[in-house]
Amino acid sequence: MEKDLRTDEALMLAYRDGESAAFERLYGRWRGPLYRYFLHQCGHAGQADELYQDVFMRVIGASARYEPSARFSTWLFRIAHNRLVDHWRKTGREPIDPLASDEDGDACTPDPPAPDSSAPERQAEQRELRQALLAALHALPEVQREAFLLAEEGGLTLEEIASISGVGRETVKSRLRYATRRLRKDLESWR
């Protein structure tokens, strides 16, 4: 399959104009980051999947009105943020257990396949590090976790995160600084 080098904005405009393959490429680009954003925010695979699917349904519904006034990622994560806020209002906030299992008893974040040459000890160490990272991430205050996830998963700038979150740029900068400091402290033993 040939790689599409068009920007996200160009793909969304092409989809708006009737090119269904453009949507497939956008969906493929943002599938992982958007799903992980929801998973880390709500802590339940089922809820994350529902929110994730709902956001893409909203993208489809808004495609006829889409105008690239901001980066596509900013527009997408604004929809995701608003959908998450609606979800919390509707259901109330639930505590997040980053190591909880989903309905099938599987961990919320599946272990990625290890290279064939990996030793079992290395795989166990990677799994422990992943669990420590998830626990540290979920121990962050919600506003810091959201800013961190929007920056890391969404690749958004300080200004874009500020716009989505409804706070100032310096507030976002502080949240990211505190989140990074706390994550480093919590994961210090893994260095």
N, C-alpha and C. Protein backbone atom coordinates (compact mmCIF):
# COMPACT_ATOMS: atom_id res chain seq x y z
N MET A 1 0.85 -1.19 0.00
CA MET A 1 0.00 0.00 0.00
C MET A 1 0.88 1.25 0.00
N GLU A 2 0.58 2.16 -0.87
CA GLU A 2 1.35 3.38 -0.98
C GLU A 2 1.00 4.32 0.16
N LYS A 3 2.04 4.91 0.75
CA LYS A 3 1.83 5.82 1.87
C LYS A 3 1.31 7.16 1.36
N ASP A 4 0.28 7.68 2.01
CA ASP A 4 -0.31 8.96 1.63
C ASP A 4 0.43 10.06 2.39
N LEU A 5 1.06 10.95 1.68
CA LEU A 5 1.86 12.00 2.30
C LEU A 5 1.08 13.29 2.55
N ARG A 6 -0.20 13.29 2.24
CA ARG A 6 -1.01 14.49 2.47
C ARG A 6 -1.13 14.77 3.96
N THR A 7 -1.30 16.02 4.29
CA THR A 7 -1.51 16.40 5.68
C THR A 7 -2.87 15.89 6.14
N ASP A 8 -3.04 15.88 7.45
CA ASP A 8 -4.34 15.48 8.01
C ASP A 8 -5.45 16.41 7.51
N GLU A 9 -5.14 17.69 7.44
CA GLU A 9 -6.13 18.66 7.00
C GLU A 9 -6.53 18.40 5.55
N ALA A 10 -5.54 18.09 4.70
CA ALA A 10 -5.83 17.79 3.30
C ALA A 10 -6.65 16.51 3.17
N LEU A 11 -6.35 15.53 4.00
CA LEU A 11 -7.13 14.29 3.98
C LEU A 11 -8.58 14.54 4.41
N MET A 12 -8.75 15.36 5.43
CA MET A 12 -10.11 15.64 5.90
C MET A 12 -10.89 16.41 4.85
N LEU A 13 -10.24 17.34 4.17
CA LEU A 13 -10.91 18.06 3.09
C LEU A 13 -11.26 17.11 1.95
N ALA A 14 -10.37 16.18 1.63
CA ALA A 14 -10.65 15.20 0.58
C ALA A 14 -11.82 14.31 0.98
N TYR A 15 -11.87 13.92 2.24
CA TYR A 15 -13.00 13.11 2.72
C TYR A 15 -14.29 13.93 2.63
N ARG A 16 -14.22 15.18 3.05
CA ARG A 16 -15.39 16.07 2.97
C ARG A 16 -15.91 16.15 1.54
N ASP A 17 -14.97 16.09 0.59
CA ASP A 17 -15.34 16.20 -0.83
C ASP A 17 -15.65 14.85 -1.46
N GLY A 18 -15.74 13.78 -0.64
CA GLY A 18 -16.21 12.50 -1.16
C GLY A 18 -15.19 11.39 -1.30
N GLU A 19 -13.95 11.60 -0.93
CA GLU A 19 -12.93 10.56 -1.05
C GLU A 19 -12.89 9.71 0.22
N SER A 20 -13.55 8.56 0.19
CA SER A 20 -13.65 7.73 1.40
C SER A 20 -12.31 7.17 1.83
N ALA A 21 -11.40 6.93 0.90
CA ALA A 21 -10.07 6.42 1.26
C ALA A 21 -9.31 7.42 2.14
N ALA A 22 -9.59 8.69 1.99
CA ALA A 22 -8.94 9.71 2.81
C ALA A 22 -9.33 9.55 4.27
N PHE A 23 -10.59 9.21 4.52
CA PHE A 23 -11.02 8.98 5.90
C PHE A 23 -10.33 7.76 6.48
N GLU A 24 -10.20 6.72 5.70
CA GLU A 24 -9.51 5.51 6.17
C GLU A 24 -8.08 5.81 6.59
N ARG A 25 -7.42 6.67 5.84
CA ARG A 25 -6.04 7.03 6.18
C ARG A 25 -6.00 7.87 7.47
N LEU A 26 -6.92 8.80 7.61
CA LEU A 26 -7.00 9.59 8.84
C LEU A 26 -7.28 8.70 10.04
N TYR A 27 -8.24 7.82 9.87
CA TYR A 27 -8.61 6.89 10.94
C TYR A 27 -7.39 6.07 11.35
N GLY A 28 -6.65 5.59 10.39
CA GLY A 28 -5.46 4.80 10.67
C GLY A 28 -4.38 5.59 11.40
N ARG A 29 -4.20 6.84 11.03
CA ARG A 29 -3.20 7.69 11.68
C ARG A 29 -3.53 7.98 13.14
N TRP A 30 -4.80 8.20 13.43
CA TRP A 30 -5.21 8.66 14.76
C TRP A 30 -5.83 7.58 15.63
N ARG A 31 -5.98 6.38 15.10
CA ARG A 31 -6.58 5.27 15.84
C ARG A 31 -5.87 5.05 17.18
N GLY A 32 -4.57 4.85 17.17
CA GLY A 32 -3.82 4.56 18.39
C GLY A 32 -3.79 5.72 19.37
N PRO A 33 -3.35 6.91 18.94
CA PRO A 33 -3.28 8.02 19.89
C PRO A 33 -4.62 8.38 20.53
N LEU A 34 -5.69 8.40 19.76
CA LEU A 34 -6.99 8.77 20.30
C LEU A 34 -7.51 7.71 21.27
N TYR A 35 -7.36 6.44 20.91
CA TYR A 35 -7.81 5.37 21.79
C TYR A 35 -7.02 5.39 23.10
N ARG A 36 -5.71 5.57 23.02
CA ARG A 36 -4.89 5.61 24.25
C ARG A 36 -5.26 6.81 25.12
N TYR A 37 -5.58 7.94 24.50
CA TYR A 37 -6.03 9.11 25.25
C TYR A 37 -7.24 8.75 26.10
N PHE A 38 -8.24 8.12 25.48
CA PHE A 38 -9.44 7.74 26.22
C PHE A 38 -9.14 6.66 27.26
N LEU A 39 -8.34 5.69 26.90
CA LEU A 39 -8.03 4.61 27.83
C LEU A 39 -7.36 5.15 29.08
N HIS A 40 -6.42 6.06 28.90
CA HIS A 40 -5.71 6.62 30.06
C HIS A 40 -6.58 7.60 30.84
N GLN A 41 -7.58 8.16 30.21
CA GLN A 41 -8.46 9.10 30.90
C GLN A 41 -9.56 8.37 31.69
N CYS A 42 -10.13 7.32 31.12
CA CYS A 42 -11.24 6.67 31.82
C CYS A 42 -10.84 5.34 32.45
N GLY A 43 -9.77 4.73 32.02
CA GLY A 43 -9.26 3.54 32.67
C GLY A 43 -9.98 2.24 32.37
N HIS A 44 -10.98 2.27 31.51
CA HIS A 44 -11.74 1.07 31.18
C HIS A 44 -11.76 0.90 29.66
N ALA A 45 -11.33 -0.26 29.21
CA ALA A 45 -11.24 -0.51 27.77
C ALA A 45 -12.59 -0.34 27.08
N GLY A 46 -13.66 -0.83 27.69
CA GLY A 46 -14.99 -0.72 27.08
C GLY A 46 -15.43 0.72 26.93
N GLN A 47 -15.24 1.52 27.97
CA GLN A 47 -15.60 2.94 27.89
C GLN A 47 -14.73 3.67 26.88
N ALA A 48 -13.44 3.36 26.89
CA ALA A 48 -12.52 4.01 25.94
C ALA A 48 -12.94 3.70 24.51
N ASP A 49 -13.30 2.46 24.25
CA ASP A 49 -13.70 2.07 22.90
C ASP A 49 -14.99 2.79 22.49
N GLU A 50 -15.93 2.88 23.42
CA GLU A 50 -17.19 3.56 23.12
C GLU A 50 -16.96 5.04 22.82
N LEU A 51 -16.15 5.71 23.63
CA LEU A 51 -15.86 7.12 23.42
C LEU A 51 -15.10 7.33 22.11
N TYR A 52 -14.16 6.46 21.86
CA TYR A 52 -13.35 6.52 20.64
C TYR A 52 -14.22 6.40 19.39
N GLN A 53 -15.11 5.42 19.40
CA GLN A 53 -16.00 5.23 18.24
C GLN A 53 -16.94 6.44 18.09
N ASP A 54 -17.41 6.95 19.21
CA ASP A 54 -18.31 8.10 19.17
C ASP A 54 -17.62 9.33 18.56
N VAL A 55 -16.36 9.53 18.89
CA VAL A 55 -15.64 10.67 18.34
C VAL A 55 -15.53 10.54 16.82
N PHE A 56 -15.20 9.36 16.33
CA PHE A 56 -15.10 9.21 14.88
C PHE A 56 -16.46 9.33 14.21
N MET A 57 -17.52 8.95 14.89
CA MET A 57 -18.86 9.17 14.32
C MET A 57 -19.14 10.68 14.25
N ARG A 58 -18.68 11.41 15.24
CA ARG A 58 -18.86 12.87 15.22
C ARG A 58 -18.02 13.52 14.13
N VAL A 59 -16.82 12.97 13.90
CA VAL A 59 -15.97 13.47 12.82
C VAL A 59 -16.69 13.27 11.48
N ILE A 60 -17.27 12.09 11.30
CA ILE A 60 -18.01 11.82 10.07
C ILE A 60 -19.18 12.79 9.93
N GLY A 61 -19.91 12.97 11.04
CA GLY A 61 -21.06 13.87 11.01
C GLY A 61 -20.70 15.32 10.74
N ALA A 62 -19.51 15.74 11.18
CA ALA A 62 -19.09 17.13 11.01
C ALA A 62 -18.29 17.36 9.73
N SER A 63 -18.05 16.30 8.99
CA SER A 63 -17.17 16.42 7.82
C SER A 63 -17.67 17.42 6.79
N ALA A 64 -18.96 17.52 6.59
CA ALA A 64 -19.50 18.44 5.58
C ALA A 64 -19.23 19.90 5.96
N ARG A 65 -19.07 20.17 7.25
CA ARG A 65 -18.83 21.53 7.73
C ARG A 65 -17.35 21.79 8.03
N TYR A 66 -16.50 20.81 7.84
CA TYR A 66 -15.10 20.95 8.22
C TYR A 66 -14.38 22.03 7.42
N GLU A 67 -13.72 22.91 8.13
CA GLU A 67 -12.84 23.92 7.54
C GLU A 67 -11.57 23.91 8.37
N PRO A 68 -10.41 23.85 7.75
CA PRO A 68 -9.15 23.75 8.51
C PRO A 68 -8.72 25.07 9.15
N SER A 69 -9.44 25.49 10.17
CA SER A 69 -9.08 26.71 10.89
C SER A 69 -8.00 26.44 11.94
N ALA A 70 -7.76 25.17 12.24
CA ALA A 70 -6.71 24.75 13.16
C ALA A 70 -6.19 23.42 12.63
N ARG A 71 -5.13 22.93 13.25
CA ARG A 71 -4.63 21.62 12.83
C ARG A 71 -5.72 20.58 13.06
N PHE A 72 -5.76 19.55 12.25
CA PHE A 72 -6.75 18.48 12.39
C PHE A 72 -6.65 17.85 13.77
N SER A 73 -5.43 17.63 14.25
CA SER A 73 -5.26 17.00 15.56
C SER A 73 -5.91 17.84 16.66
N THR A 74 -5.79 19.15 16.57
CA THR A 74 -6.43 20.03 17.55
C THR A 74 -7.94 19.89 17.48
N TRP A 75 -8.47 19.89 16.29
CA TRP A 75 -9.92 19.73 16.09
C TRP A 75 -10.38 18.38 16.62
N LEU A 76 -9.65 17.32 16.29
CA LEU A 76 -10.01 15.97 16.73
C LEU A 76 -9.98 15.84 18.25
N PHE A 77 -8.91 16.33 18.88
CA PHE A 77 -8.81 16.21 20.33
C PHE A 77 -9.73 17.18 21.06
N ARG A 78 -10.16 18.24 20.42
CA ARG A 78 -11.19 19.10 21.03
C ARG A 78 -12.51 18.31 21.08
N ILE A 79 -12.83 17.63 20.01
CA ILE A 79 -14.03 16.78 19.99
C ILE A 79 -13.90 15.71 21.07
N ALA A 80 -12.72 15.10 21.17
CA ALA A 80 -12.49 14.04 22.16
C ALA A 80 -12.62 14.60 23.58
N HIS A 81 -12.02 15.74 23.83
CA HIS A 81 -12.10 16.37 25.15
C HIS A 81 -13.55 16.67 25.51
N ASN A 82 -14.28 17.27 24.59
CA ASN A 82 -15.68 17.60 24.85
C ASN A 82 -16.51 16.35 25.07
N ARG A 83 -16.23 15.29 24.32
CA ARG A 83 -16.96 14.04 24.49
C ARG A 83 -16.66 13.43 25.85
N LEU A 84 -15.41 13.52 26.30
CA LEU A 84 -15.03 13.00 27.62
C LEU A 84 -15.72 13.80 28.72
N VAL A 85 -15.77 15.11 28.58
CA VAL A 85 -16.46 15.95 29.57
C VAL A 85 -17.94 15.56 29.63
N ASP A 86 -18.57 15.37 28.47
CA ASP A 86 -19.98 14.93 28.45
C ASP A 86 -20.14 13.58 29.14
N HIS A 87 -19.20 12.69 28.90
CA HIS A 87 -19.24 11.36 29.52
C HIS A 87 -19.17 11.47 31.04
N TRP A 88 -18.25 12.30 31.54
CA TRP A 88 -18.12 12.45 32.99
C TRP A 88 -19.37 13.08 33.59
N ARG A 89 -19.95 14.04 32.91
CA ARG A 89 -21.17 14.67 33.41
C ARG A 89 -22.32 13.66 33.49
N LYS A 90 -22.41 12.84 32.47
CA LYS A 90 -23.51 11.87 32.39
C LYS A 90 -23.36 10.75 33.41
N THR A 91 -22.16 10.23 33.55
CA THR A 91 -21.96 9.05 34.39
C THR A 91 -21.38 9.36 35.75
N GLY A 92 -20.85 10.54 35.94
CA GLY A 92 -20.13 10.84 37.17
C GLY A 92 -18.72 10.28 37.05
N ARG A 93 -17.85 10.87 37.77
CA ARG A 93 -16.45 10.41 37.69
C ARG A 93 -16.29 9.10 38.44
N GLU A 94 -15.55 8.21 37.81
CA GLU A 94 -15.23 6.94 38.45
C GLU A 94 -13.74 6.90 38.69
N PRO A 95 -13.32 6.33 39.81
CA PRO A 95 -11.88 6.23 40.04
C PRO A 95 -11.24 5.33 39.00
N ILE A 96 -10.02 5.68 38.64
CA ILE A 96 -9.30 4.91 37.63
C ILE A 96 -8.35 3.96 38.32
N ASP A 97 -8.41 2.71 37.94
CA ASP A 97 -7.44 1.71 38.39
C ASP A 97 -6.64 1.31 37.17
N PRO A 98 -5.41 1.81 37.05
CA PRO A 98 -4.65 1.56 35.83
C PRO A 98 -4.31 0.11 35.60
N LEU A 99 -4.39 -0.72 36.63
CA LEU A 99 -4.04 -2.12 36.47
C LEU A 99 -5.28 -3.01 36.49
N ALA A 100 -6.45 -2.37 36.40
CA ALA A 100 -7.70 -3.13 36.42
C ALA A 100 -7.84 -3.94 35.15
N SER A 101 -8.72 -4.91 35.23
CA SER A 101 -8.99 -5.75 34.07
C SER A 101 -10.29 -5.32 33.43
N ASP A 102 -10.43 -5.60 32.15
CA ASP A 102 -11.69 -5.30 31.49
C ASP A 102 -12.66 -6.47 31.74
N GLU A 103 -13.80 -6.45 31.07
CA GLU A 103 -14.84 -7.44 31.32
C GLU A 103 -14.39 -8.87 31.06
N ASP A 104 -13.43 -9.06 30.16
CA ASP A 104 -12.96 -10.40 29.83
C ASP A 104 -11.83 -10.86 30.72
N GLY A 105 -11.43 -10.02 31.67
CA GLY A 105 -10.34 -10.40 32.55
C GLY A 105 -8.97 -10.07 32.00
N ASP A 106 -8.93 -9.43 30.85
CA ASP A 106 -7.64 -9.06 30.26
C ASP A 106 -7.25 -7.69 30.76
N ALA A 107 -5.95 -7.45 30.84
CA ALA A 107 -5.48 -6.13 31.25
C ALA A 107 -5.97 -5.10 30.25
N CYS A 108 -6.21 -3.89 30.72
CA CYS A 108 -6.74 -2.83 29.85
C CYS A 108 -5.80 -2.49 28.71
N THR A 109 -4.52 -2.54 28.95
CA THR A 109 -3.58 -2.26 27.87
C THR A 109 -2.82 -3.54 27.57
N PRO A 110 -3.11 -4.16 26.45
CA PRO A 110 -2.46 -5.42 26.14
C PRO A 110 -0.98 -5.25 25.93
N ASP A 111 -0.23 -6.28 26.29
CA ASP A 111 1.20 -6.26 26.07
C ASP A 111 1.47 -6.36 24.59
N PRO A 112 2.34 -5.49 24.07
CA PRO A 112 2.67 -5.61 22.66
C PRO A 112 3.50 -6.86 22.44
N PRO A 113 3.43 -7.44 21.26
CA PRO A 113 4.21 -8.64 21.01
C PRO A 113 5.70 -8.31 21.11
N ALA A 114 6.42 -9.19 21.77
CA ALA A 114 7.86 -9.00 21.94
C ALA A 114 8.59 -9.60 20.75
N PRO A 115 9.75 -9.05 20.41
CA PRO A 115 10.53 -9.67 19.35
C PRO A 115 10.88 -11.10 19.73
N ASP A 116 11.00 -11.95 18.72
CA ASP A 116 11.28 -13.36 18.96
C ASP A 116 12.54 -13.58 19.78
N SER A 117 13.51 -12.68 19.66
CA SER A 117 14.78 -12.86 20.34
C SER A 117 14.76 -12.41 21.79
N SER A 118 13.64 -11.81 22.28
CA SER A 118 13.59 -11.32 23.65
C SER A 118 13.59 -12.46 24.65
N ALA A 119 14.38 -12.29 25.66
CA ALA A 119 14.44 -13.27 26.74
C ALA A 119 13.23 -13.07 27.64
N PRO A 120 12.75 -14.13 28.27
CA PRO A 120 11.59 -14.00 29.18
C PRO A 120 11.84 -12.98 30.28
N GLU A 121 13.07 -12.86 30.75
CA GLU A 121 13.37 -11.89 31.81
C GLU A 121 13.16 -10.46 31.30
N ARG A 122 13.58 -10.23 30.08
CA ARG A 122 13.43 -8.89 29.48
C ARG A 122 11.95 -8.57 29.27
N GLN A 123 11.18 -9.55 28.84
CA GLN A 123 9.75 -9.35 28.65
C GLN A 123 9.08 -9.03 29.98
N ALA A 124 9.45 -9.73 31.03
CA ALA A 124 8.87 -9.47 32.35
C ALA A 124 9.24 -8.07 32.83
N GLU A 125 10.49 -7.68 32.60
CA GLU A 125 10.93 -6.34 32.99
C GLU A 125 10.16 -5.26 32.23
N GLN A 126 9.94 -5.45 30.94
CA GLN A 126 9.19 -4.50 30.14
C GLN A 126 7.75 -4.41 30.62
N ARG A 127 7.16 -5.54 30.97
CA ARG A 127 5.78 -5.55 31.47
C ARG A 127 5.69 -4.80 32.80
N GLU A 128 6.66 -5.00 33.69
CA GLU A 128 6.69 -4.29 34.97
C GLU A 128 6.86 -2.79 34.78
N LEU A 129 7.74 -2.42 33.84
CA LEU A 129 7.93 -1.00 33.55
C LEU A 129 6.66 -0.38 33.00
N ARG A 130 5.98 -1.07 32.10
CA ARG A 130 4.73 -0.58 31.53
C ARG A 130 3.69 -0.39 32.64
N GLN A 131 3.60 -1.34 33.56
CA GLN A 131 2.64 -1.21 34.67
C GLN A 131 3.02 -0.05 35.58
N ALA A 132 4.32 0.13 35.83
CA ALA A 132 4.76 1.25 36.67
C ALA A 132 4.43 2.58 35.99
N LEU A 133 4.64 2.65 34.68
CA LEU A 133 4.34 3.87 33.93
C LEU A 133 2.84 4.17 33.98
N LEU A 134 2.01 3.16 33.77
CA LEU A 134 0.56 3.36 33.83
C LEU A 134 0.12 3.82 35.21
N ALA A 135 0.67 3.19 36.25
CA ALA A 135 0.32 3.57 37.61
C ALA A 135 0.74 5.01 37.88
N ALA A 136 1.93 5.39 37.44
CA ALA A 136 2.41 6.77 37.64
C ALA A 136 1.55 7.76 36.87
N LEU A 137 1.20 7.40 35.66
CA LEU A 137 0.36 8.26 34.83
C LEU A 137 -1.00 8.47 35.47
N HIS A 138 -1.59 7.41 35.97
CA HIS A 138 -2.92 7.51 36.57
C HIS A 138 -2.90 8.13 37.96
N ALA A 139 -1.72 8.23 38.56
CA ALA A 139 -1.60 8.88 39.86
C ALA A 139 -1.54 10.41 39.72
N LEU A 140 -1.32 10.88 38.49
CA LEU A 140 -1.28 12.32 38.25
C LEU A 140 -2.67 12.93 38.49
N PRO A 141 -2.70 14.17 38.95
CA PRO A 141 -4.00 14.86 38.99
C PRO A 141 -4.58 14.91 37.58
N GLU A 142 -5.88 14.88 37.49
CA GLU A 142 -6.57 14.78 36.20
C GLU A 142 -6.13 15.84 35.20
N VAL A 143 -6.00 17.09 35.64
CA VAL A 143 -5.65 18.16 34.71
C VAL A 143 -4.23 17.99 34.18
N GLN A 144 -3.32 17.48 35.02
CA GLN A 144 -1.96 17.23 34.57
C GLN A 144 -1.92 16.04 33.61
N ARG A 145 -2.67 15.00 33.94
CA ARG A 145 -2.71 13.81 33.07
C ARG A 145 -3.26 14.18 31.70
N GLU A 146 -4.33 14.97 31.67
CA GLU A 146 -4.91 15.35 30.39
C GLU A 146 -3.94 16.19 29.56
N ALA A 147 -3.29 17.16 30.18
CA ALA A 147 -2.32 17.98 29.45
C ALA A 147 -1.19 17.10 28.91
N PHE A 148 -0.70 16.18 29.73
CA PHE A 148 0.39 15.29 29.31
C PHE A 148 -0.05 14.41 28.15
N LEU A 149 -1.25 13.84 28.24
CA LEU A 149 -1.74 12.97 27.16
C LEU A 149 -2.01 13.73 25.87
N LEU A 150 -2.54 14.94 25.99
CA LEU A 150 -2.76 15.73 24.79
C LEU A 150 -1.44 16.08 24.10
N ALA A 151 -0.41 16.32 24.91
CA ALA A 151 0.91 16.62 24.34
C ALA A 151 1.56 15.37 23.76
N GLU A 152 1.52 14.28 24.50
CA GLU A 152 2.23 13.07 24.07
C GLU A 152 1.45 12.25 23.05
N GLU A 153 0.19 12.02 23.28
CA GLU A 153 -0.61 11.21 22.35
C GLU A 153 -1.13 12.03 21.18
N GLY A 154 -1.49 13.28 21.45
CA GLY A 154 -2.04 14.10 20.39
C GLY A 154 -1.01 14.92 19.65
N GLY A 155 0.19 15.06 20.24
CA GLY A 155 1.22 15.87 19.61
C GLY A 155 0.84 17.34 19.54
N LEU A 156 0.02 17.79 20.48
CA LEU A 156 -0.48 19.16 20.44
C LEU A 156 0.48 20.13 21.10
N THR A 157 0.45 21.37 20.66
CA THR A 157 1.28 22.43 21.22
C THR A 157 0.64 22.96 22.50
N LEU A 158 1.40 23.77 23.23
CA LEU A 158 0.86 24.39 24.44
C LEU A 158 -0.39 25.22 24.13
N GLU A 159 -0.33 25.96 23.04
CA GLU A 159 -1.46 26.81 22.66
C GLU A 159 -2.69 25.97 22.32
N GLU A 160 -2.48 24.87 21.63
CA GLU A 160 -3.60 24.00 21.25
C GLU A 160 -4.22 23.35 22.48
N ILE A 161 -3.38 22.89 23.40
CA ILE A 161 -3.89 22.29 24.64
C ILE A 161 -4.65 23.33 25.45
N ALA A 162 -4.11 24.56 25.51
CA ALA A 162 -4.79 25.64 26.23
C ALA A 162 -6.16 25.91 25.64
N SER A 163 -6.23 25.93 24.33
CA SER A 163 -7.51 26.18 23.65
C SER A 163 -8.52 25.07 23.96
N ILE A 164 -8.08 23.84 23.89
CA ILE A 164 -8.96 22.70 24.16
C ILE A 164 -9.42 22.69 25.61
N SER A 165 -8.48 22.95 26.53
CA SER A 165 -8.76 22.87 27.96
C SER A 165 -9.44 24.10 28.53
N GLY A 166 -9.40 25.19 27.78
CA GLY A 166 -10.04 26.42 28.25
C GLY A 166 -9.24 27.13 29.33
N VAL A 167 -7.91 26.96 29.31
CA VAL A 167 -7.03 27.63 30.26
C VAL A 167 -5.93 28.34 29.49
N GLY A 168 -5.13 29.11 30.19
CA GLY A 168 -4.04 29.84 29.55
C GLY A 168 -2.84 28.95 29.22
N ARG A 169 -2.02 29.45 28.31
CA ARG A 169 -0.82 28.74 27.88
C ARG A 169 0.11 28.45 29.06
N GLU A 170 0.30 29.44 29.94
CA GLU A 170 1.20 29.26 31.09
C GLU A 170 0.67 28.22 32.06
N THR A 171 -0.64 28.11 32.18
CA THR A 171 -1.24 27.08 33.02
C THR A 171 -0.93 25.70 32.46
N VAL A 172 -1.06 25.55 31.15
CA VAL A 172 -0.73 24.28 30.50
C VAL A 172 0.74 23.96 30.70
N LYS A 173 1.57 24.97 30.53
CA LYS A 173 3.01 24.78 30.69
C LYS A 173 3.33 24.28 32.11
N SER A 174 2.68 24.88 33.11
CA SER A 174 2.88 24.45 34.50
C SER A 174 2.39 23.02 34.71
N ARG A 175 1.22 22.72 34.16
CA ARG A 175 0.68 21.36 34.31
C ARG A 175 1.62 20.33 33.70
N LEU A 176 2.16 20.64 32.54
CA LEU A 176 3.09 19.71 31.89
C LEU A 176 4.38 19.58 32.70
N ARG A 177 4.87 20.69 33.21
CA ARG A 177 6.09 20.66 34.01
C ARG A 177 5.89 19.82 35.27
N TYR A 178 4.78 20.03 35.98
CA TYR A 178 4.52 19.25 37.19
C TYR A 178 4.29 17.77 36.86
N ALA A 179 3.59 17.49 35.77
CA ALA A 179 3.35 16.10 35.37
C ALA A 179 4.67 15.40 35.06
N THR A 180 5.51 16.07 34.29
CA THR A 180 6.79 15.47 33.92
C THR A 180 7.66 15.25 35.15
N ARG A 181 7.70 16.23 36.03
CA ARG A 181 8.49 16.11 37.25
C ARG A 181 8.00 14.92 38.09
N ARG A 182 6.69 14.81 38.23
CA ARG A 182 6.15 13.72 39.05
C ARG A 182 6.38 12.36 38.39
N LEU A 183 6.21 12.27 37.08
CA LEU A 183 6.48 11.01 36.40
C LEU A 183 7.94 10.60 36.53
N ARG A 184 8.84 11.55 36.40
CA ARG A 184 10.27 11.24 36.58
C ARG A 184 10.55 10.73 37.98
N LYS A 185 9.94 11.39 38.96
CA LYS A 185 10.15 10.98 40.35
C LYS A 185 9.59 9.57 40.59
N ASP A 186 8.37 9.34 40.10
CA ASP A 186 7.73 8.05 40.32
C ASP A 186 8.43 6.90 39.58
N LEU A 187 9.11 7.23 38.50
CA LEU A 187 9.78 6.19 37.69
C LEU A 187 11.29 6.22 37.85
N GLU A 188 11.77 6.92 38.87
CA GLU A 188 13.20 7.08 39.09
C GLU A 188 13.93 5.74 39.22
N SER A 189 13.31 4.78 39.83
CA SER A 189 13.96 3.47 40.01
C SER A 189 14.15 2.71 38.71
N TRP A 190 13.51 3.15 37.65
CA TRP A 190 13.61 2.47 36.35
C TRP A 190 14.70 3.05 35.46
N ARG A 191 15.38 4.06 35.94
CA ARG A 191 16.43 4.69 35.12
C ARG A 191 17.66 3.83 35.09
